[in-house]
PDB file of N, CA and C in Angstrom:
ATOM      1  N   MET A   1     -38.353 -24.362  21.561  1.00  0.00           N
ATOM      2  CA  MET A   1     -38.055 -22.992  21.188  1.00  0.00           C
ATOM      3  C   MET A   1     -36.734 -22.498  21.798  1.00  0.00           C
ATOM      4  N   PRO A   2     -36.406 -22.808  23.038  1.00  0.00           N
ATOM      5  CA  PRO A   2     -35.144 -22.334  23.607  1.00  0.00           C
ATOM      6  C   PRO A   2     -33.926 -22.837  22.837  1.00  0.00           C
ATOM      7  N   ASP A   3     -33.993 -24.041  22.289  1.00  0.00           N
ATOM      8  CA  ASP A   3     -32.869 -24.563  21.507  1.00  0.00           C
ATOM      9  C   ASP A   3     -32.651 -23.714  20.259  1.00  0.00           C
ATOM     10  N   ARG A   4     -33.719 -23.329  19.620  1.00  0.00           N
ATOM     11  CA  ARG A   4     -33.616 -22.499  18.417  1.00  0.00           C
ATOM     12  C   ARG A   4     -33.038 -21.137  18.774  1.00  0.00           C
ATOM     13  N   GLN A   5     -33.487 -20.558  19.874  1.00  0.00           N
ATOM     14  CA  GLN A   5     -32.979 -19.260  20.299  1.00  0.00           C
ATOM     15  C   GLN A   5     -31.493 -19.344  20.636  1.00  0.00           C
ATOM     16  N   GLN A   6     -31.091 -20.389  21.319  1.00  0.00           N
ATOM     17  CA  GLN A   6     -29.686 -20.568  21.663  1.00  0.00           C
ATOM     18  C   GLN A   6     -28.846 -20.743  20.404  1.00  0.00           C
ATOM     19  N   ASP A   7     -29.370 -21.497  19.446  1.00  0.00           N
ATOM     20  CA  ASP A   7     -28.659 -21.700  18.173  1.00  0.00           C
ATOM     21  C   ASP A   7     -28.472 -20.366  17.451  1.00  0.00           C
ATOM     22  N   LEU A   8     -29.512 -19.562  17.430  1.00  0.00           N
ATOM     23  CA  LEU A   8     -29.421 -18.254  16.774  1.00  0.00           C
ATOM     24  C   LEU A   8     -28.446 -17.333  17.513  1.00  0.00           C
ATOM     25  N   GLU A   9     -28.443 -17.373  18.828  1.00  0.00           N
ATOM     26  CA  GLU A   9     -27.513 -16.550  19.602  1.00  0.00           C
ATOM     27  C   GLU A   9     -26.067 -16.977  19.357  1.00  0.00           C
ATOM     28  N   GLU A  10     -25.835 -18.276  19.247  1.00  0.00           N
ATOM     29  CA  GLU A  10     -24.485 -18.768  18.956  1.00  0.00           C
ATOM     30  C   GLU A  10     -24.028 -18.319  17.568  1.00  0.00           C
ATOM     31  N   LYS A  11     -24.923 -18.413  16.598  1.00  0.00           N
ATOM     32  CA  LYS A  11     -24.578 -17.979  15.247  1.00  0.00           C
ATOM     33  C   LYS A  11     -24.314 -16.478  15.204  1.00  0.00           C
ATOM     34  N   LEU A  12     -25.105 -15.710  15.933  1.00  0.00           N
ATOM     35  CA  LEU A  12     -24.908 -14.268  15.984  1.00  0.00           C
ATOM     36  C   LEU A  12     -23.561 -13.937  16.618  1.00  0.00           C
ATOM     37  N   ALA A  13     -23.221 -14.620  17.706  1.00  0.00           N
ATOM     38  CA  ALA A  13     -21.942 -14.378  18.370  1.00  0.00           C
ATOM     39  C   ALA A  13     -20.787 -14.723  17.430  1.00  0.00           C
ATOM     40  N   PHE A  14     -20.904 -15.830  16.702  1.00  0.00           N
ATOM     41  CA  PHE A  14     -19.870 -16.213  15.749  1.00  0.00           C
ATOM     42  C   PHE A  14     -19.708 -15.151  14.674  1.00  0.00           C
ATOM     43  N   LEU A  15     -20.824 -14.679  14.132  1.00  0.00           N
ATOM     44  CA  LEU A  15     -20.770 -13.661  13.079  1.00  0.00           C
ATOM     45  C   LEU A  15     -20.191 -12.345  13.591  1.00  0.00           C
ATOM     46  N   GLN A  16     -20.511 -11.988  14.815  1.00  0.00           N
ATOM     47  CA  GLN A  16     -19.953 -10.763  15.374  1.00  0.00           C
ATOM     48  C   GLN A  16     -18.441 -10.872  15.528  1.00  0.00           C
ATOM     49  N   ARG A  17     -17.951 -12.022  16.005  1.00  0.00           N
ATOM     50  CA  ARG A  17     -16.501 -12.220  16.116  1.00  0.00           C
ATOM     51  C   ARG A  17     -15.850 -12.189  14.746  1.00  0.00           C
ATOM     52  N   HIS A  18     -16.508 -12.811  13.784  1.00  0.00           N
ATOM     53  CA  HIS A  18     -15.972 -12.851  12.427  1.00  0.00           C
ATOM     54  C   HIS A  18     -15.864 -11.434  11.837  1.00  0.00           C
ATOM     55  N   ILE A  19     -16.870 -10.628  12.056  1.00  0.00           N
ATOM     56  CA  ILE A  19     -16.854  -9.250  11.555  1.00  0.00           C
ATOM     57  C   ILE A  19     -15.737  -8.461  12.231  1.00  0.00           C
ATOM     58  N   GLU A  20     -15.548  -8.637  13.532  1.00  0.00           N
ATOM     59  CA  GLU A  20     -14.468  -7.941  14.236  1.00  0.00           C
ATOM     60  C   GLU A  20     -13.106  -8.352  13.681  1.00  0.00           C
ATOM     61  N   GLN A  21     -12.931  -9.636  13.391  1.00  0.00           N
ATOM     62  CA  GLN A  21     -11.667 -10.108  12.814  1.00  0.00           C
ATOM     63  C   GLN A  21     -11.451  -9.503  11.435  1.00  0.00           C
ATOM     64  N   GLN A  22     -12.500  -9.447  10.646  1.00  0.00           N
ATOM     65  CA  GLN A  22     -12.384  -8.853   9.314  1.00  0.00           C
ATOM     66  C   GLN A  22     -12.065  -7.365   9.408  1.00  0.00           C
ATOM     67  N   ASP A  23     -12.662  -6.664  10.349  1.00  0.00           N
ATOM     68  CA  ASP A  23     -12.379  -5.242  10.535  1.00  0.00           C
ATOM     69  C   ASP A  23     -10.908  -5.028  10.873  1.00  0.00           C
ATOM     70  N   ARG A  24     -10.363  -5.856  11.777  1.00  0.00           N
ATOM     71  CA  ARG A  24      -8.947  -5.726  12.135  1.00  0.00           C
ATOM     72  C   ARG A  24      -8.056  -6.009  10.930  1.00  0.00           C
ATOM     73  N   ALA A  25      -8.387  -7.056  10.174  1.00  0.00           N
ATOM     74  CA  ALA A  25      -7.590  -7.399   8.998  1.00  0.00           C
ATOM     75  C   ALA A  25      -7.655  -6.272   7.964  1.00  0.00           C
ATOM     76  N   PHE A  26      -8.833  -5.716   7.776  1.00  0.00           N
ATOM     77  CA  PHE A  26      -8.992  -4.616   6.819  1.00  0.00           C
ATOM     78  C   PHE A  26      -8.182  -3.403   7.244  1.00  0.00           C
ATOM     79  N   LEU A  27      -8.182  -3.094   8.538  1.00  0.00           N
ATOM     80  CA  LEU A  27      -7.419  -1.963   9.043  1.00  0.00           C
ATOM     81  C   LEU A  27      -5.922  -2.178   8.828  1.00  0.00           C
ATOM     82  N   GLU A  28      -5.436  -3.379   9.095  1.00  0.00           N
ATOM     83  CA  GLU A  28      -4.024  -3.690   8.875  1.00  0.00           C
ATOM     84  C   GLU A  28      -3.651  -3.552   7.404  1.00  0.00           C
ATOM     85  N   LEU A  29      -4.505  -4.073   6.529  1.00  0.00           N
ATOM     86  CA  LEU A  29      -4.242  -3.972   5.094  1.00  0.00           C
ATOM     87  C   LEU A  29      -4.279  -2.519   4.629  1.00  0.00           C
ATOM     88  N   SER A  30      -5.181  -1.750   5.178  1.00  0.00           N
ATOM     89  CA  SER A  30      -5.275  -0.341   4.817  1.00  0.00           C
ATOM     90  C   SER A  30      -3.999   0.401   5.212  1.00  0.00           C
ATOM     91  N   LYS A  31      -3.474   0.110   6.402  1.00  0.00           N
ATOM     92  CA  LYS A  31      -2.222   0.735   6.838  1.00  0.00           C
ATOM     93  C   LYS A  31      -1.070   0.318   5.931  1.00  0.00           C
ATOM     94  N   GLU A  32      -1.051  -0.959   5.547  1.00  0.00           N
ATOM     95  CA  GLU A  32       0.021  -1.448   4.670  1.00  0.00           C
ATOM     96  C   GLU A  32      -0.054  -0.789   3.294  1.00  0.00           C
ATOM     97  N   VAL A  33      -1.249  -0.636   2.761  1.00  0.00           N
ATOM     98  CA  VAL A  33      -1.418   0.020   1.467  1.00  0.00           C
ATOM     99  C   VAL A  33      -0.962   1.478   1.545  1.00  0.00           C
ATOM    100  N   SER A  34      -1.284   2.154   2.633  1.00  0.00           N
ATOM    101  CA  SER A  34      -0.854   3.549   2.803  1.00  0.00           C
ATOM    102  C   SER A  34       0.665   3.643   2.852  1.00  0.00           C
ATOM    103  N   ALA A  35       1.288   2.726   3.586  1.00  0.00           N
ATOM    104  CA  ALA A  35       2.750   2.739   3.674  1.00  0.00           C
ATOM    105  C   ALA A  35       3.375   2.460   2.316  1.00  0.00           C
ATOM    106  N   LEU A  36       2.814   1.522   1.573  1.00  0.00           N
ATOM    107  CA  LEU A  36       3.346   1.208   0.248  1.00  0.00           C
ATOM    108  C   LEU A  36       3.137   2.363  -0.724  1.00  0.00           C
ATOM    109  N   ALA A  37       2.020   3.052  -0.615  1.00  0.00           N
ATOM    110  CA  ALA A  37       1.770   4.205  -1.484  1.00  0.00           C
ATOM    111  C   ALA A  37       2.784   5.311  -1.203  1.00  0.00           C
ATOM    112  N   ALA A  38       3.086   5.536   0.065  1.00  0.00           N
ATOM    113  CA  ALA A  38       4.079   6.552   0.409  1.00  0.00           C
ATOM    114  C   ALA A  38       5.454   6.142  -0.103  1.00  0.00           C
ATOM    115  N   ARG A  39       5.775   4.871   0.032  1.00  0.00           N
ATOM    116  CA  ARG A  39       7.068   4.371  -0.467  1.00  0.00           C
ATOM    117  C   ARG A  39       7.161   4.526  -1.982  1.00  0.00           C
ATOM    118  N   LEU A  40       6.085   4.225  -2.673  1.00  0.00           N
ATOM    119  CA  LEU A  40       6.054   4.373  -4.127  1.00  0.00           C
ATOM    120  C   LEU A  40       6.246   5.840  -4.521  1.00  0.00           C
ATOM    121  N   ALA A  41       5.604   6.745  -3.812  1.00  0.00           N
ATOM    122  CA  ALA A  41       5.737   8.174  -4.121  1.00  0.00           C
ATOM    123  C   ALA A  41       7.181   8.629  -3.944  1.00  0.00           C
ATOM    124  N   ARG A  42       7.833   8.158  -2.867  1.00  0.00           N
ATOM    125  CA  ARG A  42       9.243   8.525  -2.652  1.00  0.00           C
ATOM    126  C   ARG A  42      10.123   7.960  -3.763  1.00  0.00           C
ATOM    127  N   THR A  43       9.857   6.724  -4.170  1.00  0.00           N
ATOM    128  CA  THR A  43      10.639   6.100  -5.237  1.00  0.00           C
ATOM    129  C   THR A  43      10.444   6.835  -6.553  1.00  0.00           C
ATOM    130  N   GLU A  44       9.212   7.203  -6.847  1.00  0.00           N
ATOM    131  CA  GLU A  44       8.941   7.959  -8.075  1.00  0.00           C
ATOM    132  C   GLU A  44       9.657   9.300  -8.055  1.00  0.00           C
ATOM    133  N   ALA A  45       9.690   9.956  -6.906  1.00  0.00           N
ATOM    134  CA  ALA A  45      10.382  11.246  -6.801  1.00  0.00           C
ATOM    135  C   ALA A  45      11.877  11.073  -7.036  1.00  0.00           C
ATOM    136  N   LYS A  46      12.455  10.006  -6.488  1.00  0.00           N
ATOM    137  CA  LYS A  46      13.882   9.754  -6.701  1.00  0.00           C
ATOM    138  C   LYS A  46      14.181   9.499  -8.170  1.00  0.00           C
ATOM    139  N   VAL A  47      13.351   8.686  -8.809  1.00  0.00           N
ATOM    140  CA  VAL A  47      13.566   8.370 -10.221  1.00  0.00           C
ATOM    141  C   VAL A  47      13.421   9.631 -11.068  1.00  0.00           C
ATOM    142  N   THR A  48      12.435  10.438 -10.771  1.00  0.00           N
ATOM    143  CA  THR A  48      12.243  11.680 -11.509  1.00  0.00           C
ATOM    144  C   THR A  48      13.447  12.600 -11.336  1.00  0.00           C
ATOM    145  N   ALA A  49      13.967  12.686 -10.126  1.00  0.00           N
ATOM    146  CA  ALA A  49      15.140  13.527  -9.874  1.00  0.00           C
ATOM    147  C   ALA A  49      16.355  12.992 -10.631  1.00  0.00           C
ATOM    148  N   GLN A  50      16.531  11.699 -10.657  1.00  0.00           N
ATOM    149  CA  GLN A  50      17.664  11.119 -11.376  1.00  0.00           C
ATOM    150  C   GLN A  50      17.548  11.350 -12.868  1.00  0.00           C
ATOM    151  N   VAL A  51      16.353  11.231 -13.397  1.00  0.00           N
ATOM    152  CA  VAL A  51      16.147  11.455 -14.827  1.00  0.00           C
ATOM    153  C   VAL A  51      16.399  12.913 -15.174  1.00  0.00           C
ATOM    154  N   SER A  52      15.932  13.827 -14.336  1.00  0.00           N
ATOM    155  CA  SER A  52      16.152  15.244 -14.635  1.00  0.00           C
ATOM    156  C   SER A  52      17.629  15.602 -14.482  1.00  0.00           C
ATOM    157  N   ASP A  53      18.331  14.975 -13.555  1.00  0.00           N
ATOM    158  CA  ASP A  53      19.776  15.209 -13.427  1.00  0.00           C
ATOM    159  C   ASP A  53      20.520  14.685 -14.646  1.00  0.00           C
ATOM    160  N   ALA A  54      20.095  13.541 -15.146  1.00  0.00           N
ATOM    161  CA  ALA A  54      20.743  12.950 -16.318  1.00  0.00           C
ATOM    162  C   ALA A  54      20.488  13.811 -17.562  1.00  0.00           C
ATOM    163  N   ASP A  55      19.319  14.417 -17.647  1.00  0.00           N
ATOM    164  CA  ASP A  55      18.980  15.259 -18.796  1.00  0.00           C
ATOM    165  C   ASP A  55      19.771  16.568 -18.792  1.00  0.00           C
ATOM    166  N   SER A  56      20.201  17.024 -17.637  1.00  0.00           N
ATOM    167  CA  SER A  56      20.880  18.313 -17.576  1.00  0.00           C
ATOM    168  C   SER A  56      22.358  18.215 -17.940  1.00  0.00           C
ATOM    169  N   GLY A  57      22.891  17.005 -18.048  1.00  0.00           N
ATOM    170  CA  GLY A  57      24.297  16.825 -18.403  1.00  0.00           C
ATOM    171  C   GLY A  57      24.517  17.035 -19.887  1.00  0.00           C
ATOM    172  N   PRO A  58      25.775  16.950 -20.321  1.00  0.00           N
ATOM    173  CA  PRO A  58      26.072  17.139 -21.740  1.00  0.00           C
ATOM    174  C   PRO A  58      25.490  15.993 -22.575  1.00  0.00           C
ATOM    175  N   PRO A  59      25.157  16.258 -23.805  1.00  0.00           N
ATOM    176  CA  PRO A  59      24.647  15.197 -24.678  1.00  0.00           C
ATOM    177  C   PRO A  59      25.701  14.107 -24.870  1.00  0.00           C
ATOM    178  N   ALA A  60      25.260  12.901 -25.060  1.00  0.00           N
ATOM    179  CA  ALA A  60      26.171  11.765 -25.169  1.00  0.00           C
ATOM    180  C   ALA A  60      27.026  11.836 -26.428  1.00  0.00           C
ATOM    181  N   ASP A  61      26.536  12.456 -27.500  1.00  0.00           N
ATOM    182  CA  ASP A  61      27.298  12.486 -28.750  1.00  0.00           C
ATOM    183  C   ASP A  61      28.156  13.759 -28.894  1.00  0.00           C
ATOM    184  N   GLU A  62      28.192  14.591 -27.884  1.00  0.00           N
ATOM    185  CA  GLU A  62      28.995  15.806 -27.950  1.00  0.00           C
ATOM    186  C   GLU A  62      30.456  15.474 -27.633  1.00  0.00           C
ATOM    187  N   ARG A  63      31.352  16.036 -28.436  1.00  0.00           N
ATOM    188  CA  ARG A  63      32.780  15.787 -28.218  1.00  0.00           C
ATOM    189  C   ARG A  63      33.250  16.544 -26.975  1.00  0.00           C
ATOM    190  N   PRO A  64      34.098  15.925 -26.194  1.00  0.00           N
ATOM    191  CA  PRO A  64      34.646  16.623 -25.036  1.00  0.00           C
ATOM    192  C   PRO A  64      35.441  17.845 -25.464  1.00  0.00           C
ATOM    193  N   PRO A  65      35.596  18.853 -24.608  1.00  0.00           N
ATOM    194  CA  PRO A  65      36.262  20.096 -24.978  1.00  0.00           C
ATOM    195  C   PRO A  65      37.752  19.920 -25.320  1.00  0.00           C
ATOM    196  N   HIS A  66      38.413  18.883 -24.844  1.00  0.00           N
ATOM    197  CA  HIS A  66      39.844  18.729 -25.100  1.00  0.00           C
ATOM    198  C   HIS A  66      40.155  18.116 -26.459  1.00  0.00           C
ATOM    199  N   TRP A  67      39.171  17.856 -27.298  1.00  0.00           N
ATOM    200  CA  TRP A  67      39.441  17.282 -28.627  1.00  0.00           C
ATOM    201  C   TRP A  67      39.703  18.359 -29.600  1.00  0.00           C
TER     202      TRP A  67
END
């Protein structure tokens, strides 16, 4: 019986370490996803600003005033 108990304790210890490693990896990935989401939002804002700036200029087919 002691061998079985020791085997179960070893397996439990292994699983606990494995869960802790997975928790750390998940936390790191979560931080990376948050950083990428913020970066994407900034990029989208820049693109939107550039598009709105381009729309406010004169139309491409309009003749310049000096013609």
